[in-house]
Amino acid sequence: MRRLLAPRLIALFVLGWALFSFPLIQLWDREASLFGLPLLPLGLFFVWAVLIGVLAWLMERDP
């Protein structure tokens, strides 16, 4: 199972890179708000938190 870890980490890196790319970030850059907070910071924080959660899950799984 450990041999699958490196490709999964690389895939997670590529996914994070794609999600933080300018065209996708531009989708969140609107005048709308959620609970009084602008969408751009909320979207960035949410994506960042999900990436960290998936990384923690991958690293802490039993082999």
PDB file of N, CA and C in Angstrom:
ATOM      1  N   MET A   1       0.822  -1.196   0.000  1.00  0.00           N
ATOM      2  CA  MET A   1       0.000   0.000   0.000  1.00  0.00           C
ATOM      3  C   MET A   1       0.865   1.259   0.000  1.00  0.00           C
ATOM      4  N   ARG A   2       2.068   1.170   0.561  1.00  0.00           N
ATOM      5  CA  ARG A   2       2.951   2.336   0.613  1.00  0.00           C
ATOM      6  C   ARG A   2       3.396   2.772  -0.778  1.00  0.00           C
ATOM      7  N   ARG A   3       3.474   1.836  -1.707  1.00  0.00           N
ATOM      8  CA  ARG A   3       3.924   2.198  -3.050  1.00  0.00           C
ATOM      9  C   ARG A   3       2.909   3.064  -3.773  1.00  0.00           C
ATOM     10  N   LEU A   4       1.671   3.070  -3.320  1.00  0.00           N
ATOM     11  CA  LEU A   4       0.646   3.920  -3.923  1.00  0.00           C
ATOM     12  C   LEU A   4       0.632   5.325  -3.320  1.00  0.00           C
ATOM     13  N   LEU A   5       1.394   5.530  -2.250  1.00  0.00           N
ATOM     14  CA  LEU A   5       1.355   6.827  -1.576  1.00  0.00           C
ATOM     15  C   LEU A   5       1.955   7.940  -2.442  1.00  0.00           C
ATOM     16  N   ALA A   6       3.093   7.697  -3.051  1.00  0.00           N
ATOM     17  CA  ALA A   6       3.747   8.740  -3.843  1.00  0.00           C
ATOM     18  C   ALA A   6       2.871   9.212  -5.012  1.00  0.00           C
ATOM     19  N   PRO A   7       2.292   8.319  -5.807  1.00  0.00           N
ATOM     20  CA  PRO A   7       1.418   8.814  -6.880  1.00  0.00           C
ATOM     21  C   PRO A   7       0.195   9.570  -6.362  1.00  0.00           C
ATOM     22  N   ARG A   8      -0.331   9.159  -5.232  1.00  0.00           N
ATOM     23  CA  ARG A   8      -1.484   9.865  -4.668  1.00  0.00           C
ATOM     24  C   ARG A   8      -1.096  11.254  -4.170  1.00  0.00           C
ATOM     25  N   LEU A   9       0.090  11.378  -3.580  1.00  0.00           N
ATOM     26  CA  LEU A   9       0.552  12.688  -3.143  1.00  0.00           C
ATOM     27  C   LEU A   9       0.811  13.600  -4.337  1.00  0.00           C
ATOM     28  N   ILE A  10       1.357  13.052  -5.392  1.00  0.00           N
ATOM     29  CA  ILE A  10       1.582  13.840  -6.606  1.00  0.00           C
ATOM     30  C   ILE A  10       0.244  14.282  -7.195  1.00  0.00           C
ATOM     31  N   ALA A  11      -0.729  13.376  -7.219  1.00  0.00           N
ATOM     32  CA  ALA A  11      -2.053  13.729  -7.732  1.00  0.00           C
ATOM     33  C   ALA A  11      -2.705  14.808  -6.862  1.00  0.00           C
ATOM     34  N   LEU A  12      -2.511  14.736  -5.548  1.00  0.00           N
ATOM     35  CA  LEU A  12      -3.057  15.760  -4.654  1.00  0.00           C
ATOM     36  C   LEU A  12      -2.388  17.112  -4.908  1.00  0.00           C
ATOM     37  N   PHE A  13      -1.088  17.099  -5.155  1.00  0.00           N
ATOM     38  CA  PHE A  13      -0.376  18.334  -5.481  1.00  0.00           C
ATOM     39  C   PHE A  13      -0.911  18.948  -6.771  1.00  0.00           C
ATOM     40  N   VAL A  14      -1.091  18.124  -7.793  1.00  0.00           N
ATOM     41  CA  VAL A  14      -1.596  18.623  -9.079  1.00  0.00           C
ATOM     42  C   VAL A  14      -3.017  19.156  -8.915  1.00  0.00           C
ATOM     43  N   LEU A  15      -3.831  18.454  -8.139  1.00  0.00           N
ATOM     44  CA  LEU A  15      -5.192  18.924  -7.887  1.00  0.00           C
ATOM     45  C   LEU A  15      -5.182  20.278  -7.168  1.00  0.00           C
ATOM     46  N   GLY A  16      -4.332  20.410  -6.155  1.00  0.00           N
ATOM     47  CA  GLY A  16      -4.229  21.683  -5.449  1.00  0.00           C
ATOM     48  C   GLY A  16      -3.738  22.791  -6.359  1.00  0.00           C
ATOM     49  N   TRP A  17      -2.775  22.471  -7.195  1.00  0.00           N
ATOM     50  CA  TRP A  17      -2.245  23.454  -8.142  1.00  0.00           C
ATOM     51  C   TRP A  17      -3.346  23.904  -9.102  1.00  0.00           C
ATOM     52  N   ALA A  18      -4.144  22.954  -9.572  1.00  0.00           N
ATOM     53  CA  ALA A  18      -5.231  23.290 -10.500  1.00  0.00           C
ATOM     54  C   ALA A  18      -6.315  24.118  -9.797  1.00  0.00           C
ATOM     55  N   LEU A  19      -6.645  23.749  -8.558  1.00  0.00           N
ATOM     56  CA  LEU A  19      -7.699  24.471  -7.845  1.00  0.00           C
ATOM     57  C   LEU A  19      -7.293  25.893  -7.484  1.00  0.00           C
ATOM     58  N   PHE A  20      -6.000  26.126  -7.288  1.00  0.00           N
ATOM     59  CA  PHE A  20      -5.526  27.467  -6.967  1.00  0.00           C
ATOM     60  C   PHE A  20      -5.037  28.227  -8.194  1.00  0.00           C
ATOM     61  N   SER A  21      -5.329  27.723  -9.369  1.00  0.00           N
ATOM     62  CA  SER A  21      -4.940  28.429 -10.593  1.00  0.00           C
ATOM     63  C   SER A  21      -5.867  29.638 -10.801  1.00  0.00           C
ATOM     64  N   PHE A  22      -5.381  30.601 -11.552  1.00  0.00           N
ATOM     65  CA  PHE A  22      -6.112  31.853 -11.717  1.00  0.00           C
ATOM     66  C   PHE A  22      -7.514  31.682 -12.303  1.00  0.00           C
ATOM     67  N   PRO A  23      -7.707  30.877 -13.370  1.00  0.00           N
ATOM     68  CA  PRO A  23      -9.070  30.799 -13.925  1.00  0.00           C
ATOM     69  C   PRO A  23     -10.098  30.260 -12.928  1.00  0.00           C
ATOM     70  N   LEU A  24      -9.709  29.295 -12.095  1.00  0.00           N
ATOM     71  CA  LEU A  24     -10.673  28.769 -11.126  1.00  0.00           C
ATOM     72  C   LEU A  24     -10.865  29.707  -9.938  1.00  0.00           C
ATOM     73  N   ILE A  25      -9.811  30.408  -9.542  1.00  0.00           N
ATOM     74  CA  ILE A  25      -9.967  31.389  -8.461  1.00  0.00           C
ATOM     75  C   ILE A  25     -10.876  32.529  -8.915  1.00  0.00           C
ATOM     76  N   GLN A  26     -10.805  32.867 -10.177  1.00  0.00           N
ATOM     77  CA  GLN A  26     -11.622  33.950 -10.709  1.00  0.00           C
ATOM     78  C   GLN A  26     -13.121  33.622 -10.605  1.00  0.00           C
ATOM     79  N   LEU A  27     -13.477  32.349 -10.578  1.00  0.00           N
ATOM     80  CA  LEU A  27     -14.880  31.971 -10.406  1.00  0.00           C
ATOM     81  C   LEU A  27     -15.425  32.427  -9.058  1.00  0.00           C
ATOM     82  N   TRP A  28     -14.567  32.470  -8.036  1.00  0.00           N
ATOM     83  CA  TRP A  28     -15.005  32.865  -6.706  1.00  0.00           C
ATOM     84  C   TRP A  28     -15.006  34.383  -6.515  1.00  0.00           C
ATOM     85  N   ASP A  29     -14.368  35.117  -7.409  1.00  0.00           N
ATOM     86  CA  ASP A  29     -14.221  36.563  -7.249  1.00  0.00           C
ATOM     87  C   ASP A  29     -15.482  37.281  -7.737  1.00  0.00           C
ATOM     88  N   ARG A  30     -16.465  37.328  -6.870  1.00  0.00           N
ATOM     89  CA  ARG A  30     -17.747  37.979  -7.174  1.00  0.00           C
ATOM     90  C   ARG A  30     -18.144  38.880  -6.021  1.00  0.00           C
ATOM     91  N   GLU A  31     -19.142  39.667  -6.261  1.00  0.00           N
ATOM     92  CA  GLU A  31     -19.629  40.573  -5.219  1.00  0.00           C
ATOM     93  C   GLU A  31     -20.568  39.880  -4.236  1.00  0.00           C
ATOM     94  N   ALA A  32     -20.801  38.607  -4.408  1.00  0.00           N
ATOM     95  CA  ALA A  32     -21.697  37.876  -3.515  1.00  0.00           C
ATOM     96  C   ALA A  32     -20.991  37.586  -2.189  1.00  0.00           C
ATOM     97  N   SER A  33     -21.793  37.314  -1.172  1.00  0.00           N
ATOM     98  CA  SER A  33     -21.228  36.974   0.128  1.00  0.00           C
ATOM     99  C   SER A  33     -22.054  35.851   0.756  1.00  0.00           C
ATOM    100  N   LEU A  34     -21.424  35.187   1.680  1.00  0.00           N
ATOM    101  CA  LEU A  34     -22.074  34.096   2.406  1.00  0.00           C
ATOM    102  C   LEU A  34     -21.862  34.372   3.893  1.00  0.00           C
ATOM    103  N   PHE A  35     -22.934  34.526   4.636  1.00  0.00           N
ATOM    104  CA  PHE A  35     -22.887  34.890   6.052  1.00  0.00           C
ATOM    105  C   PHE A  35     -22.126  36.201   6.267  1.00  0.00           C
ATOM    106  N   GLY A  36     -22.220  37.106   5.304  1.00  0.00           N
ATOM    107  CA  GLY A  36     -21.579  38.404   5.415  1.00  0.00           C
ATOM    108  C   GLY A  36     -20.106  38.421   5.040  1.00  0.00           C
ATOM    109  N   LEU A  37     -19.567  37.293   4.599  1.00  0.00           N
ATOM    110  CA  LEU A  37     -18.159  37.207   4.205  1.00  0.00           C
ATOM    111  C   LEU A  37     -18.071  37.035   2.693  1.00  0.00           C
ATOM    112  N   PRO A  38     -17.103  37.680   2.050  1.00  0.00           N
ATOM    113  CA  PRO A  38     -16.964  37.554   0.597  1.00  0.00           C
ATOM    114  C   PRO A  38     -16.608  36.125   0.196  1.00  0.00           C
ATOM    115  N   LEU A  39     -17.027  35.733  -1.000  1.00  0.00           N
ATOM    116  CA  LEU A  39     -16.833  34.356  -1.449  1.00  0.00           C
ATOM    117  C   LEU A  39     -15.382  33.982  -1.706  1.00  0.00           C
ATOM    118  N   LEU A  40     -14.577  34.916  -2.166  1.00  0.00           N
ATOM    119  CA  LEU A  40     -13.190  34.585  -2.506  1.00  0.00           C
ATOM    120  C   LEU A  40     -12.407  34.055  -1.305  1.00  0.00           C
ATOM    121  N   PRO A  41     -12.350  34.753  -0.178  1.00  0.00           N
ATOM    122  CA  PRO A  41     -11.621  34.187   0.964  1.00  0.00           C
ATOM    123  C   PRO A  41     -12.242  32.899   1.487  1.00  0.00           C
ATOM    124  N   LEU A  42     -13.568  32.818   1.476  1.00  0.00           N
ATOM    125  CA  LEU A  42     -14.215  31.586   1.931  1.00  0.00           C
ATOM    126  C   LEU A  42     -13.870  30.409   1.029  1.00  0.00           C
ATOM    127  N   GLY A  43     -13.910  30.626  -0.276  1.00  0.00           N
ATOM    128  CA  GLY A  43     -13.574  29.563  -1.213  1.00  0.00           C
ATOM    129  C   GLY A  43     -12.130  29.124  -1.096  1.00  0.00           C
ATOM    130  N   LEU A  44     -11.226  30.084  -0.979  1.00  0.00           N
ATOM    131  CA  LEU A  44      -9.807  29.746  -0.827  1.00  0.00           C
ATOM    132  C   LEU A  44      -9.561  28.977   0.464  1.00  0.00           C
ATOM    133  N   PHE A  45     -10.160  29.422   1.558  1.00  0.00           N
ATOM    134  CA  PHE A  45      -9.979  28.729   2.829  1.00  0.00           C
ATOM    135  C   PHE A  45     -10.574  27.324   2.777  1.00  0.00           C
ATOM    136  N   PHE A  46     -11.738  27.178   2.165  1.00  0.00           N
ATOM    137  CA  PHE A  46     -12.371  25.869   2.072  1.00  0.00           C
ATOM    138  C   PHE A  46     -11.510  24.892   1.268  1.00  0.00           C
ATOM    139  N   VAL A  47     -11.016  25.322   0.112  1.00  0.00           N
ATOM    140  CA  VAL A  47     -10.174  24.458  -0.721  1.00  0.00           C
ATOM    141  C   VAL A  47      -8.893  24.106   0.025  1.00  0.00           C
ATOM    142  N   TRP A  48      -8.291  25.081   0.684  1.00  0.00           N
ATOM    143  CA  TRP A  48      -7.071  24.859   1.447  1.00  0.00           C
ATOM    144  C   TRP A  48      -7.308  23.838   2.565  1.00  0.00           C
ATOM    145  N   ALA A  49      -8.417  23.986   3.290  1.00  0.00           N
ATOM    146  CA  ALA A  49      -8.736  23.077   4.391  1.00  0.00           C
ATOM    147  C   ALA A  49      -8.995  21.659   3.877  1.00  0.00           C
ATOM    148  N   VAL A  50      -9.681  21.537   2.755  1.00  0.00           N
ATOM    149  CA  VAL A  50      -9.941  20.216   2.189  1.00  0.00           C
ATOM    150  C   VAL A  50      -8.639  19.547   1.750  1.00  0.00           C
ATOM    151  N   LEU A  51      -7.754  20.307   1.128  1.00  0.00           N
ATOM    152  CA  LEU A  51      -6.468  19.737   0.711  1.00  0.00           C
ATOM    153  C   LEU A  51      -5.654  19.267   1.909  1.00  0.00           C
ATOM    154  N   ILE A  52      -5.642  20.038   2.981  1.00  0.00           N
ATOM    155  CA  ILE A  52      -4.922  19.624   4.187  1.00  0.00           C
ATOM    156  C   ILE A  52      -5.576  18.397   4.811  1.00  0.00           C
ATOM    157  N   GLY A  53      -6.896  18.350   4.817  1.00  0.00           N
ATOM    158  CA  GLY A  53      -7.593  17.183   5.350  1.00  0.00           C
ATOM    159  C   GLY A  53      -7.296  15.921   4.566  1.00  0.00           C
ATOM    160  N   VAL A  54      -7.296  16.023   3.243  1.00  0.00           N
ATOM    161  CA  VAL A  54      -6.989  14.857   2.410  1.00  0.00           C
ATOM    162  C   VAL A  54      -5.535  14.440   2.603  1.00  0.00           C
ATOM    163  N   LEU A  55      -4.630  15.397   2.712  1.00  0.00           N
ATOM    164  CA  LEU A  55      -3.224  15.084   2.946  1.00  0.00           C
ATOM    165  C   LEU A  55      -3.050  14.372   4.287  1.00  0.00           C
ATOM    166  N   ALA A  56      -3.686  14.860   5.328  1.00  0.00           N
ATOM    167  CA  ALA A  56      -3.611  14.214   6.638  1.00  0.00           C
ATOM    168  C   ALA A  56      -4.184  12.807   6.576  1.00  0.00           C
ATOM    169  N   TRP A  57      -5.288  12.638   5.885  1.00  0.00           N
ATOM    170  CA  TRP A  57      -5.901  11.310   5.753  1.00  0.00           C
ATOM    171  C   TRP A  57      -4.963  10.351   5.029  1.00  0.00           C
ATOM    172  N   LEU A  58      -4.328  10.823   3.951  1.00  0.00           N
ATOM    173  CA  LEU A  58      -3.397   9.967   3.209  1.00  0.00           C
ATOM    174  C   LEU A  58      -2.187   9.573   4.058  1.00  0.00           C
ATOM    175  N   MET A  59      -1.665  10.507   4.830  1.00  0.00           N
ATOM    176  CA  MET A  59      -0.444  10.241   5.600  1.00  0.00           C
ATOM    177  C   MET A  59      -0.707   9.388   6.831  1.00  0.00           C
ATOM    178  N   GLU A  60      -1.888   9.451   7.401  1.00  0.00           N
ATOM    179  CA  GLU A  60      -2.174   8.741   8.641  1.00  0.00           C
ATOM    180  C   GLU A  60      -2.897   7.409   8.463  1.00  0.00           C
ATOM    181  N   ARG A  61      -3.169   7.044   7.231  1.00  0.00           N
ATOM    182  CA  ARG A  61      -3.841   5.765   7.002  1.00  0.00           C
ATOM    183  C   ARG A  61      -2.930   4.602   7.375  1.00  0.00           C
ATOM    184  N   ASP A  62      -3.531   3.505   7.752  1.00  0.00           N
ATOM    185  CA  ASP A  62      -2.750   2.283   7.997  1.00  0.00           C
ATOM    186  C   ASP A  62      -2.317   1.691   6.681  1.00  0.00           C
ATOM    187  N   PRO A  63      -1.071   1.254   6.607  1.00  0.00           N
ATOM    188  CA  PRO A  63      -0.596   0.662   5.331  1.00  0.00           C
ATOM    189  C   PRO A  63      -1.234  -0.664   5.033  1.00  0.00           C
TER     190      PRO A  63
END
